[in-house]
Structures are given as structure tokens and as C-alpha cells.
Amino acid sequence: MTRNKKIFLYTAYFILILITLGLFIITRLDFNPVLFTVFISTFTTIFHFTIRFSFANIICNLIKKLIRYDAWWFREKPFEKMLYRILFVKKWKETLPTWNEGDFKVSLNESKIILNNMCFAEAYHEVCMVLSFIPIIFSIWWGEVWVFFWTSLGGAVFDSLFVLIQRFNRPRVLKYYNRTKN
């Protein structure tokens, strides 16, 4: 992702925080169920941004030594090729952004490093998928469990797309690595 896109993303994050704080104040002063639902949605979106910018990185850095391209978790499973065909992964994978494009460029890295970067990216998004459901806990205090559930599910599905891309690409990079390592 380019520097300008990252600046835009962080700016949108900041603006969303301001909107959420405004909605929180408005719904506390004069309760409006529609605005309250919008507040929950923006709050959950901020939470998703936050887990992607911080928590997931912290967790992945703690387990970084366990992340290796040849570990069982990262090996291709028998059902995957069929799944990728059904989901048309090859057709849409280029449309999603890459945060650090340099991590996956053959011109900048050895293929073994790219493989491990792919595994790290997959683990990062898998951690985000799990953390996406934490906002449901807030329904204890604010109710509206279904709003929290659907926004959390949306975040998890979004991250699953990146997991699919990493898992789709890794066997090809692994094949290249095995051909060139000798």
C-alpha cells in the first residue's frame, strides 16, 4: 500500500473516532435507536481498525518464531485447490490491497523470506478473524447483539479474504523456492 493510501486510512480512522464520539454523546443526551445502531457500527469499525493496527501485530510478534512456511498449519490441504476454484480466488485476488508490498516482491527478497512473510500475513489475518468477535462482548452493556454480531462477522470475512490469498499463492512460491534452492 502506498504512503498516500496509508495516510488516507489513518485519517479515515481518526475521523471515524470523532464521528463515534459525537454519536456516543448524542445518543447519551437524547436516545435515538437509529443513531444508536449507527454508533455501534462505527464503534465496532473503530475496534476492527484498532485490532489491525495494534493487537494483531503484538500477538503475531509474540508467536513469530513459530511461524514457518514448512509448519503443518501453513501446508496446503487436500481440499484447498477445489475451494479456490469455487471461490474464483485467482480472479479477484489482485483487487485487494497489500499493506507492505515489498514483503512479497521477488526482486527485493529471497523466496524463503517471501514464504515466511506470507505465513506471517496469514497468521496476522487469522488472529484478526478471531479478535473480530470481541466486540460482541459490548452487547452485554449496550444490547443490540445482532448489530455487534454482523459487524464482527463482516470483519472476520474481510480478513478471511487475505488468508485465502496467502494460502492460494504460497504453493506457487514454494514450488519456485524448491526449484531454485539447489
C-alpha atoms as a PDB file:
ATOM      1  CA  MET A   1       0.000   0.000   0.000  1.00  0.00           C
ATOM      2  CA  THR A   2       1.378   3.372  -0.935  1.00  0.00           C
ATOM      3  CA  ARG A   3       2.243   6.010   1.637  1.00  0.00           C
ATOM      4  CA  ASN A   4      -0.685   8.200   0.498  1.00  0.00           C
ATOM      5  CA  LYS A   5      -3.144   5.334   0.931  1.00  0.00           C
ATOM      6  CA  LYS A   6      -1.820   4.668   4.431  1.00  0.00           C
ATOM      7  CA  ILE A   7      -2.192   8.361   5.315  1.00  0.00           C
ATOM      8  CA  PHE A   8      -5.746   8.267   3.951  1.00  0.00           C
ATOM      9  CA  LEU A   9      -6.518   5.156   6.018  1.00  0.00           C
ATOM     10  CA  TYR A  10      -5.165   6.669   9.240  1.00  0.00           C
ATOM     11  CA  THR A  11      -7.065   9.912   8.535  1.00  0.00           C
ATOM     12  CA  ALA A  12     -10.293   7.960   7.986  1.00  0.00           C
ATOM     13  CA  TYR A  13      -9.613   6.131  11.271  1.00  0.00           C
ATOM     14  CA  PHE A  14      -9.222   9.439  13.134  1.00  0.00           C
ATOM     15  CA  ILE A  15     -12.367  10.915  11.554  1.00  0.00           C
ATOM     16  CA  LEU A  16     -14.311   7.753  12.419  1.00  0.00           C
ATOM     17  CA  ILE A  17     -13.202   8.123  16.046  1.00  0.00           C
ATOM     18  CA  LEU A  18     -14.531  11.697  16.085  1.00  0.00           C
ATOM     19  CA  ILE A  19     -17.840  10.633  14.497  1.00  0.00           C
ATOM     20  CA  THR A  20     -18.191   7.784  17.003  1.00  0.00           C
ATOM     21  CA  LEU A  21     -17.530  10.086  19.956  1.00  0.00           C
ATOM     22  CA  GLY A  22     -20.111  12.523  18.578  1.00  0.00           C
ATOM     23  CA  LEU A  23     -22.679   9.764  18.136  1.00  0.00           C
ATOM     24  CA  PHE A  24     -21.975   8.500  21.657  1.00  0.00           C
ATOM     25  CA  ILE A  25     -22.611  11.944  23.132  1.00  0.00           C
ATOM     26  CA  ILE A  26     -25.756  12.486  21.038  1.00  0.00           C
ATOM     27  CA  THR A  27     -27.256   9.097  21.963  1.00  0.00           C
ATOM     28  CA  ARG A  28     -26.489   9.700  25.655  1.00  0.00           C
ATOM     29  CA  LEU A  29     -28.177  13.111  25.628  1.00  0.00           C
ATOM     30  CA  ASP A  30     -31.238  12.072  23.604  1.00  0.00           C
ATOM     31  CA  PHE A  31     -31.598   8.378  22.803  1.00  0.00           C
ATOM     32  CA  ASN A  32     -32.364   7.628  19.177  1.00  0.00           C
ATOM     33  CA  PRO A  33     -32.410   3.926  18.190  1.00  0.00           C
ATOM     34  CA  VAL A  34     -31.247   4.562  14.618  1.00  0.00           C
ATOM     35  CA  LEU A  35     -28.334   6.751  15.721  1.00  0.00           C
ATOM     36  CA  PHE A  36     -27.517   4.220  18.428  1.00  0.00           C
ATOM     37  CA  THR A  37     -27.259   1.460  15.794  1.00  0.00           C
ATOM     38  CA  VAL A  38     -25.008   3.727  13.697  1.00  0.00           C
ATOM     39  CA  PHE A  39     -22.937   4.416  16.826  1.00  0.00           C
ATOM     40  CA  ILE A  40     -22.485   0.680  17.467  1.00  0.00           C
ATOM     41  CA  SER A  41     -21.489   0.136  13.842  1.00  0.00           C
ATOM     42  CA  THR A  42     -18.896   2.930  13.881  1.00  0.00           C
ATOM     43  CA  PHE A  43     -17.622   1.799  17.305  1.00  0.00           C
ATOM     44  CA  THR A  44     -17.157  -1.749  16.025  1.00  0.00           C
ATOM     45  CA  THR A  45     -15.437  -0.451  12.889  1.00  0.00           C
ATOM     46  CA  ILE A  46     -13.003   1.520  15.055  1.00  0.00           C
ATOM     47  CA  PHE A  47     -12.382  -1.624  17.069  1.00  0.00           C
ATOM     48  CA  HIS A  48     -11.580  -3.511  13.854  1.00  0.00           C
ATOM     49  CA  PHE A  49      -9.149  -0.796  12.768  1.00  0.00           C
ATOM     50  CA  THR A  50      -7.539  -0.889  16.211  1.00  0.00           C
ATOM     51  CA  ILE A  51      -7.049  -4.650  16.260  1.00  0.00           C
ATOM     52  CA  ARG A  52      -5.480  -4.471  12.808  1.00  0.00           C
ATOM     53  CA  PHE A  53      -3.162  -1.597  13.732  1.00  0.00           C
ATOM     54  CA  SER A  54      -2.048  -2.945  17.105  1.00  0.00           C
ATOM     55  CA  PHE A  55      -3.347  -6.074  18.836  1.00  0.00           C
ATOM     56  CA  ALA A  56      -2.860  -8.473  15.943  1.00  0.00           C
ATOM     57  CA  ASN A  57       0.699  -7.224  15.389  1.00  0.00           C
ATOM     58  CA  ILE A  58       1.516  -7.689  19.072  1.00  0.00           C
ATOM     59  CA  ILE A  59       0.175 -11.251  19.112  1.00  0.00           C
ATOM     60  CA  CYS A  60       1.883 -12.194  15.832  1.00  0.00           C
ATOM     61  CA  ASN A  61       5.200 -10.779  17.013  1.00  0.00           C
ATOM     62  CA  LEU A  62       4.918 -12.906  20.159  1.00  0.00           C
ATOM     63  CA  ILE A  63       4.457 -16.061  18.087  1.00  0.00           C
ATOM     64  CA  LYS A  64       6.732 -15.046  15.194  1.00  0.00           C
ATOM     65  CA  LYS A  65       9.269 -17.802  15.928  1.00  0.00           C
ATOM     66  CA  LEU A  66       6.529 -20.411  15.497  1.00  0.00           C
ATOM     67  CA  ILE A  67       5.603 -19.084  12.060  1.00  0.00           C
ATOM     68  CA  ARG A  68       7.497 -21.094   9.455  1.00  0.00           C
ATOM     69  CA  TYR A  69       6.446 -21.877   5.904  1.00  0.00           C
ATOM     70  CA  ASP A  70       7.014 -25.620   6.452  1.00  0.00           C
ATOM     71  CA  ALA A  71       4.869 -25.843   9.623  1.00  0.00           C
ATOM     72  CA  TRP A  72       1.783 -28.079   9.414  1.00  0.00           C
ATOM     73  CA  TRP A  73      -0.676 -25.184   9.698  1.00  0.00           C
ATOM     74  CA  PHE A  74       0.729 -23.479   6.617  1.00  0.00           C
ATOM     75  CA  ARG A  75       0.888 -26.543   4.369  1.00  0.00           C
ATOM     76  CA  GLU A  76      -1.625 -26.851   1.567  1.00  0.00           C
ATOM     77  CA  LYS A  77      -4.562 -29.075   2.493  1.00  0.00           C
ATOM     78  CA  PRO A  78      -6.170 -31.522   0.004  1.00  0.00           C
ATOM     79  CA  PHE A  79      -9.439 -29.567  -0.319  1.00  0.00           C
ATOM     80  CA  GLU A  80      -7.882 -26.159  -0.949  1.00  0.00           C
ATOM     81  CA  LYS A  81      -7.420 -26.215  -4.734  1.00  0.00           C
ATOM     82  CA  MET A  82     -11.101 -27.037  -5.229  1.00  0.00           C
ATOM     83  CA  LEU A  83     -12.114 -24.319  -2.747  1.00  0.00           C
ATOM     84  CA  TYR A  84     -10.047 -21.697  -4.614  1.00  0.00           C
ATOM     85  CA  ARG A  85     -11.696 -22.661  -7.895  1.00  0.00           C
ATOM     86  CA  ILE A  86     -15.188 -22.465  -6.374  1.00  0.00           C
ATOM     87  CA  LEU A  87     -14.419 -19.044  -4.851  1.00  0.00           C
ATOM     88  CA  PHE A  88     -12.650 -17.747  -8.008  1.00  0.00           C
ATOM     89  CA  VAL A  89      -9.692 -16.588  -5.896  1.00  0.00           C
ATOM     90  CA  LYS A  90      -7.443 -16.243  -8.944  1.00  0.00           C
ATOM     91  CA  LYS A  91      -9.833 -13.709 -10.497  1.00  0.00           C
ATOM     92  CA  TRP A  92     -10.234 -11.340  -7.521  1.00  0.00           C
ATOM     93  CA  LYS A  93      -7.022 -11.706  -5.504  1.00  0.00           C
ATOM     94  CA  GLU A  94      -5.282  -8.785  -7.250  1.00  0.00           C
ATOM     95  CA  THR A  95      -8.097  -6.376  -6.352  1.00  0.00           C
ATOM     96  CA  LEU A  96      -7.323  -6.354  -2.618  1.00  0.00           C
ATOM     97  CA  PRO A  97      -4.590  -4.107  -1.198  1.00  0.00           C
ATOM     98  CA  THR A  98      -1.265  -5.235   0.234  1.00  0.00           C
ATOM     99  CA  TRP A  99      -0.045  -3.337   3.297  1.00  0.00           C
ATOM    100  CA  ASN A 100       3.702  -3.882   2.736  1.00  0.00           C
ATOM    101  CA  GLU A 101       4.121  -4.776  -0.916  1.00  0.00           C
ATOM    102  CA  GLY A 102       7.886  -5.059  -0.508  1.00  0.00           C
ATOM    103  CA  ASP A 103       7.437  -8.112   1.739  1.00  0.00           C
ATOM    104  CA  PHE A 104       6.232 -10.123  -1.252  1.00  0.00           C
ATOM    105  CA  LYS A 105       8.425  -8.831  -4.089  1.00  0.00           C
ATOM    106  CA  VAL A 106      10.797 -11.369  -5.615  1.00  0.00           C
ATOM    107  CA  SER A 107      13.123  -8.544  -6.677  1.00  0.00           C
ATOM    108  CA  LEU A 108      13.605  -7.485  -3.030  1.00  0.00           C
ATOM    109  CA  ASN A 109      13.541 -10.812  -1.151  1.00  0.00           C
ATOM    110  CA  GLU A 110      14.658 -14.403  -1.368  1.00  0.00           C
ATOM    111  CA  SER A 111      11.771 -16.794  -1.930  1.00  0.00           C
ATOM    112  CA  LYS A 112      12.217 -18.345   1.547  1.00  0.00           C
ATOM    113  CA  ILE A 113      11.732 -14.907   3.117  1.00  0.00           C
ATOM    114  CA  ILE A 114       8.666 -14.334   0.949  1.00  0.00           C
ATOM    115  CA  LEU A 115       7.252 -17.702   2.074  1.00  0.00           C
ATOM    116  CA  ASN A 116       7.704 -16.780   5.728  1.00  0.00           C
ATOM    117  CA  ASN A 117       6.243 -13.301   5.100  1.00  0.00           C
ATOM    118  CA  MET A 118       3.214 -14.971   3.518  1.00  0.00           C
ATOM    119  CA  CYS A 119       2.798 -17.186   6.576  1.00  0.00           C
ATOM    120  CA  PHE A 120       3.126 -14.199   8.879  1.00  0.00           C
ATOM    121  CA  ALA A 121       0.492 -12.317   6.861  1.00  0.00           C
ATOM    122  CA  GLU A 122      -1.812 -15.333   7.017  1.00  0.00           C
ATOM    123  CA  ALA A 123      -1.353 -15.701  10.789  1.00  0.00           C
ATOM    124  CA  TYR A 124      -1.922 -11.959  11.234  1.00  0.00           C
ATOM    125  CA  HIS A 125      -5.259 -12.112   9.413  1.00  0.00           C
ATOM    126  CA  GLU A 126      -6.278 -15.297  11.230  1.00  0.00           C
ATOM    127  CA  VAL A 127      -5.635 -13.548  14.553  1.00  0.00           C
ATOM    128  CA  CYS A 128      -7.709 -10.602  13.300  1.00  0.00           C
ATOM    129  CA  MET A 129     -10.527 -13.014  12.384  1.00  0.00           C
ATOM    130  CA  VAL A 130     -10.663 -14.311  15.964  1.00  0.00           C
ATOM    131  CA  LEU A 131     -10.334 -10.851  17.513  1.00  0.00           C
ATOM    132  CA  SER A 132     -13.134  -9.586  15.253  1.00  0.00           C
ATOM    133  CA  PHE A 133     -15.690 -11.227  17.539  1.00  0.00           C
ATOM    134  CA  ILE A 134     -14.585  -9.463  20.743  1.00  0.00           C
ATOM    135  CA  PRO A 135     -16.992  -6.522  20.184  1.00  0.00           C
ATOM    136  CA  ILE A 136     -19.912  -8.903  20.760  1.00  0.00           C
ATOM    137  CA  ILE A 137     -18.994  -8.647  24.456  1.00  0.00           C
ATOM    138  CA  PHE A 138     -20.119  -4.991  24.378  1.00  0.00           C
ATOM    139  CA  SER A 139     -23.662  -6.188  23.730  1.00  0.00           C
ATOM    140  CA  ILE A 140     -23.768  -7.098  27.439  1.00  0.00           C
ATOM    141  CA  TRP A 141     -23.844  -3.365  28.245  1.00  0.00           C
ATOM    142  CA  TRP A 142     -25.363  -1.880  25.101  1.00  0.00           C
ATOM    143  CA  GLY A 143     -27.643  -4.642  23.864  1.00  0.00           C
ATOM    144  CA  GLU A 144     -28.036  -4.884  20.098  1.00  0.00           C
ATOM    145  CA  VAL A 145     -26.208  -8.219  19.942  1.00  0.00           C
ATOM    146  CA  TRP A 146     -27.111  -8.667  16.279  1.00  0.00           C
ATOM    147  CA  VAL A 147     -25.511  -5.376  15.231  1.00  0.00           C
ATOM    148  CA  PHE A 148     -22.317  -6.410  17.020  1.00  0.00           C
ATOM    149  CA  PHE A 149     -22.522  -9.913  15.564  1.00  0.00           C
ATOM    150  CA  TRP A 150     -22.967  -8.814  11.933  1.00  0.00           C
ATOM    151  CA  THR A 151     -20.253  -6.152  12.059  1.00  0.00           C
ATOM    152  CA  SER A 152     -17.908  -8.669  13.699  1.00  0.00           C
ATOM    153  CA  LEU A 153     -18.749 -11.314  11.113  1.00  0.00           C
ATOM    154  CA  GLY A 154     -18.119  -8.761   8.361  1.00  0.00           C
ATOM    155  CA  GLY A 155     -14.667  -8.040   9.791  1.00  0.00           C
ATOM    156  CA  ALA A 156     -13.844 -11.744  10.017  1.00  0.00           C
ATOM    157  CA  VAL A 157     -14.999 -12.405   6.448  1.00  0.00           C
ATOM    158  CA  PHE A 158     -12.899  -9.451   5.239  1.00  0.00           C
ATOM    159  CA  ASP A 159      -9.788 -10.932   6.873  1.00  0.00           C
ATOM    160  CA  SER A 160     -10.578 -14.389   5.528  1.00  0.00           C
ATOM    161  CA  LEU A 161     -10.122 -12.985   2.007  1.00  0.00           C
ATOM    162  CA  PHE A 162      -6.493 -12.174   2.804  1.00  0.00           C
ATOM    163  CA  VAL A 163      -5.973 -15.611   4.336  1.00  0.00           C
ATOM    164  CA  LEU A 164      -7.316 -17.174   1.135  1.00  0.00           C
ATOM    165  CA  ILE A 165      -4.932 -15.087  -0.980  1.00  0.00           C
ATOM    166  CA  GLN A 166      -1.890 -16.110   1.084  1.00  0.00           C
ATOM    167  CA  ARG A 167      -2.868 -19.772   1.016  1.00  0.00           C
ATOM    168  CA  PHE A 168      -3.617 -19.616  -2.718  1.00  0.00           C
ATOM    169  CA  ASN A 169      -0.246 -18.048  -3.596  1.00  0.00           C
ATOM    170  CA  ARG A 170       2.023 -19.983  -1.214  1.00  0.00           C
ATOM    171  CA  PRO A 171       2.145 -23.329  -3.121  1.00  0.00           C
ATOM    172  CA  ARG A 172       3.324 -21.496  -6.240  1.00  0.00           C
ATOM    173  CA  VAL A 173       6.054 -19.628  -4.359  1.00  0.00           C
ATOM    174  CA  LEU A 174       7.025 -22.866  -2.581  1.00  0.00           C
ATOM    175  CA  LYS A 175       7.342 -24.643  -5.918  1.00  0.00           C
ATOM    176  CA  TYR A 176       9.602 -21.839  -7.181  1.00  0.00           C
ATOM    177  CA  TYR A 177      11.666 -21.968  -3.960  1.00  0.00           C
ATOM    178  CA  ASN A 178      12.137 -25.737  -4.218  1.00  0.00           C
ATOM    179  CA  ARG A 179      13.256 -25.416  -7.849  1.00  0.00           C
ATOM    180  CA  THR A 180      15.787 -22.649  -7.161  1.00  0.00           C
ATOM    181  CA  LYS A 181      17.234 -23.540  -3.721  1.00  0.00           C
ATOM    182  CA  ASN A 182      19.658 -26.189  -5.052  1.00  0.00           C
END
